Structures are given as structure tokens and as C-alpha cells.
Amino acid sequence: MFTIEHDFDATVITLIDEADPDTGPLNEDVVILSFDDRVVLEQVGPDDQVMRVTLSMHQLTELRLALNLPEGNYRIERG
């Protein structure tokens, strides 16, 4: 399950783990904040601290492309 909310300066997507409880423990929600120039992923860690990863828009583009490419090294030229 996921939710999408539009805030003043960001789109906020929350991914909610709905795995079968019999298959293992559920993961904490992942919150994705999408701004004009970056995307921030947040998740609460086991110590109740929020962990953050910030991706530039170029890194996000490379990640999106990498999900559909075979193993190897790649360089995406900026257009």
C-alpha cells in the first residue's frame, strides 16, 4: 500500500509494508519526498532515528535506468 500527498514544496509518497506477518517482521514505512531538485528517502531505523538518503535528479534518473539494465558499468550522458 502507498499514499501520495502534495505539500507546498514537495510531493510526499509513503510506502507501507503489508507483507504477510507469517513471513517475517514488517519493515518501517518508507517516506519519499520529491522536490524540484532532489528526492529524499526517509525510514525510521531500529534505534528510532530517522535515516535519510538524498538523491539528485541525475542520480534518480540513473537509478530508474539501472532497474532495467543488465549487470555492468554504465555512464549516462547528461542531456
C-alpha atoms as a PDB file:
ATOM      1  CA  MET A   1       0.000   0.000   0.000  1.00  0.00           C
ATOM      2  CA  PHE A   2       1.149   3.566  -0.547  1.00  0.00           C
ATOM      3  CA  THR A   3      -0.127   7.101  -0.146  1.00  0.00           C
ATOM      4  CA  ILE A   4       0.571  10.261  -2.167  1.00  0.00           C
ATOM      5  CA  GLU A   5       0.212  13.760  -0.758  1.00  0.00           C
ATOM      6  CA  HIS A   6       1.029  17.100  -2.368  1.00  0.00           C
ATOM      7  CA  ASP A   7       2.543  19.628   0.040  1.00  0.00           C
ATOM      8  CA  PHE A   8       3.508  23.209  -0.728  1.00  0.00           C
ATOM      9  CA  ASP A   9       7.025  22.426  -1.998  1.00  0.00           C
ATOM     10  CA  ALA A  10       7.126  18.632  -2.244  1.00  0.00           C
ATOM     11  CA  THR A  11       5.216  15.535  -3.215  1.00  0.00           C
ATOM     12  CA  VAL A  12       5.254  13.020  -0.358  1.00  0.00           C
ATOM     13  CA  ILE A  13       4.917   9.303  -1.104  1.00  0.00           C
ATOM     14  CA  THR A  14       4.703   6.850   1.791  1.00  0.00           C
ATOM     15  CA  LEU A  15       5.309   3.135   1.153  1.00  0.00           C
ATOM     16  CA  ILE A  16       3.669   0.911   3.771  1.00  0.00           C
ATOM     17  CA  ASP A  17       4.904  -2.658   4.226  1.00  0.00           C
ATOM     18  CA  GLU A  18       1.984  -5.064   4.062  1.00  0.00           C
ATOM     19  CA  ALA A  19       3.933  -8.324   3.936  1.00  0.00           C
ATOM     20  CA  ASP A  20       2.315 -11.384   5.411  1.00  0.00           C
ATOM     21  CA  PRO A  21       3.203 -11.300   9.139  1.00  0.00           C
ATOM     22  CA  ASP A  22       3.988 -15.039   8.983  1.00  0.00           C
ATOM     23  CA  THR A  23       6.869 -14.397   6.542  1.00  0.00           C
ATOM     24  CA  GLY A  24       8.856 -12.174   8.918  1.00  0.00           C
ATOM     25  CA  PRO A  25       8.742  -8.833  10.641  1.00  0.00           C
ATOM     26  CA  LEU A  26       7.277  -5.848   8.840  1.00  0.00           C
ATOM     27  CA  ASN A  27       9.614  -3.038   7.787  1.00  0.00           C
ATOM     28  CA  GLU A  28       9.072   0.557   8.825  1.00  0.00           C
ATOM     29  CA  ASP A  29       7.288   2.838   6.352  1.00  0.00           C
ATOM     30  CA  VAL A  30       9.465   4.487   3.701  1.00  0.00           C
ATOM     31  CA  VAL A  31       8.718   8.161   3.069  1.00  0.00           C
ATOM     32  CA  ILE A  32       9.821   9.675  -0.248  1.00  0.00           C
ATOM     33  CA  LEU A  33       9.927  13.461  -0.503  1.00  0.00           C
ATOM     34  CA  SER A  34      10.168  14.712  -4.081  1.00  0.00           C
ATOM     35  CA  PHE A  35      11.353  18.312  -4.557  1.00  0.00           C
ATOM     36  CA  ASP A  36      12.242  20.199  -7.757  1.00  0.00           C
ATOM     37  CA  ASP A  37      15.978  19.462  -7.397  1.00  0.00           C
ATOM     38  CA  ARG A  38      16.235  16.333  -5.241  1.00  0.00           C
ATOM     39  CA  VAL A  39      14.472  13.292  -3.808  1.00  0.00           C
ATOM     40  CA  VAL A  40      14.827  12.354  -0.142  1.00  0.00           C
ATOM     41  CA  LEU A  41      14.078   8.863   1.204  1.00  0.00           C
ATOM     42  CA  GLU A  42      13.420   8.506   4.937  1.00  0.00           C
ATOM     43  CA  GLN A  43      12.900   5.474   7.150  1.00  0.00           C
ATOM     44  CA  VAL A  44      12.937   5.062  10.911  1.00  0.00           C
ATOM     45  CA  GLY A  45      15.779   2.753  11.979  1.00  0.00           C
ATOM     46  CA  PRO A  46      15.858   0.213  14.795  1.00  0.00           C
ATOM     47  CA  ASP A  47      17.165   2.888  17.187  1.00  0.00           C
ATOM     48  CA  ASP A  48      14.149   5.150  16.384  1.00  0.00           C
ATOM     49  CA  GLN A  49      16.394   7.571  14.461  1.00  0.00           C
ATOM     50  CA  VAL A  50      15.273   8.736  11.024  1.00  0.00           C
ATOM     51  CA  MET A  51      17.690   7.603   8.325  1.00  0.00           C
ATOM     52  CA  ARG A  52      17.843   9.811   5.201  1.00  0.00           C
ATOM     53  CA  VAL A  53      19.212   9.332   1.715  1.00  0.00           C
ATOM     54  CA  THR A  54      19.221  12.309  -0.665  1.00  0.00           C
ATOM     55  CA  LEU A  55      19.435  11.738  -4.420  1.00  0.00           C
ATOM     56  CA  SER A  56      19.977  14.424  -7.049  1.00  0.00           C
ATOM     57  CA  MET A  57      17.630  14.299 -10.008  1.00  0.00           C
ATOM     58  CA  HIS A  58      20.502  12.896 -12.118  1.00  0.00           C
ATOM     59  CA  GLN A  59      21.072  10.101  -9.584  1.00  0.00           C
ATOM     60  CA  LEU A  60      17.350   9.355  -9.614  1.00  0.00           C
ATOM     61  CA  THR A  61      17.429   9.098 -13.412  1.00  0.00           C
ATOM     62  CA  GLU A  62      20.388   6.700 -13.215  1.00  0.00           C
ATOM     63  CA  LEU A  63      18.585   4.596 -10.594  1.00  0.00           C
ATOM     64  CA  ARG A  64      15.460   4.399 -12.747  1.00  0.00           C
ATOM     65  CA  LEU A  65      17.530   3.292 -15.756  1.00  0.00           C
ATOM     66  CA  ALA A  66      19.600   0.837 -13.687  1.00  0.00           C
ATOM     67  CA  LEU A  67      16.476  -1.054 -12.636  1.00  0.00           C
ATOM     68  CA  ASN A  68      16.028  -2.170 -16.252  1.00  0.00           C
ATOM     69  CA  LEU A  69      19.639  -2.815 -17.317  1.00  0.00           C
ATOM     70  CA  PRO A  70      21.727  -5.981 -17.071  1.00  0.00           C
ATOM     71  CA  GLU A  71      24.828  -6.249 -14.885  1.00  0.00           C
ATOM     72  CA  GLY A  72      27.661  -3.945 -15.947  1.00  0.00           C
ATOM     73  CA  ASN A  73      29.131  -0.435 -15.742  1.00  0.00           C
ATOM     74  CA  TYR A  74      27.286   2.446 -17.337  1.00  0.00           C
ATOM     75  CA  ARG A  75      27.613   6.221 -17.749  1.00  0.00           C
ATOM     76  CA  ILE A  76      24.561   8.222 -18.682  1.00  0.00           C
ATOM     77  CA  GLU A  77      25.482  11.411 -20.511  1.00  0.00           C
ATOM     78  CA  ARG A  78      23.660  14.476 -19.239  1.00  0.00           C
ATOM     79  CA  GLY A  79      21.486  15.957 -21.941  1.00  0.00           C
END
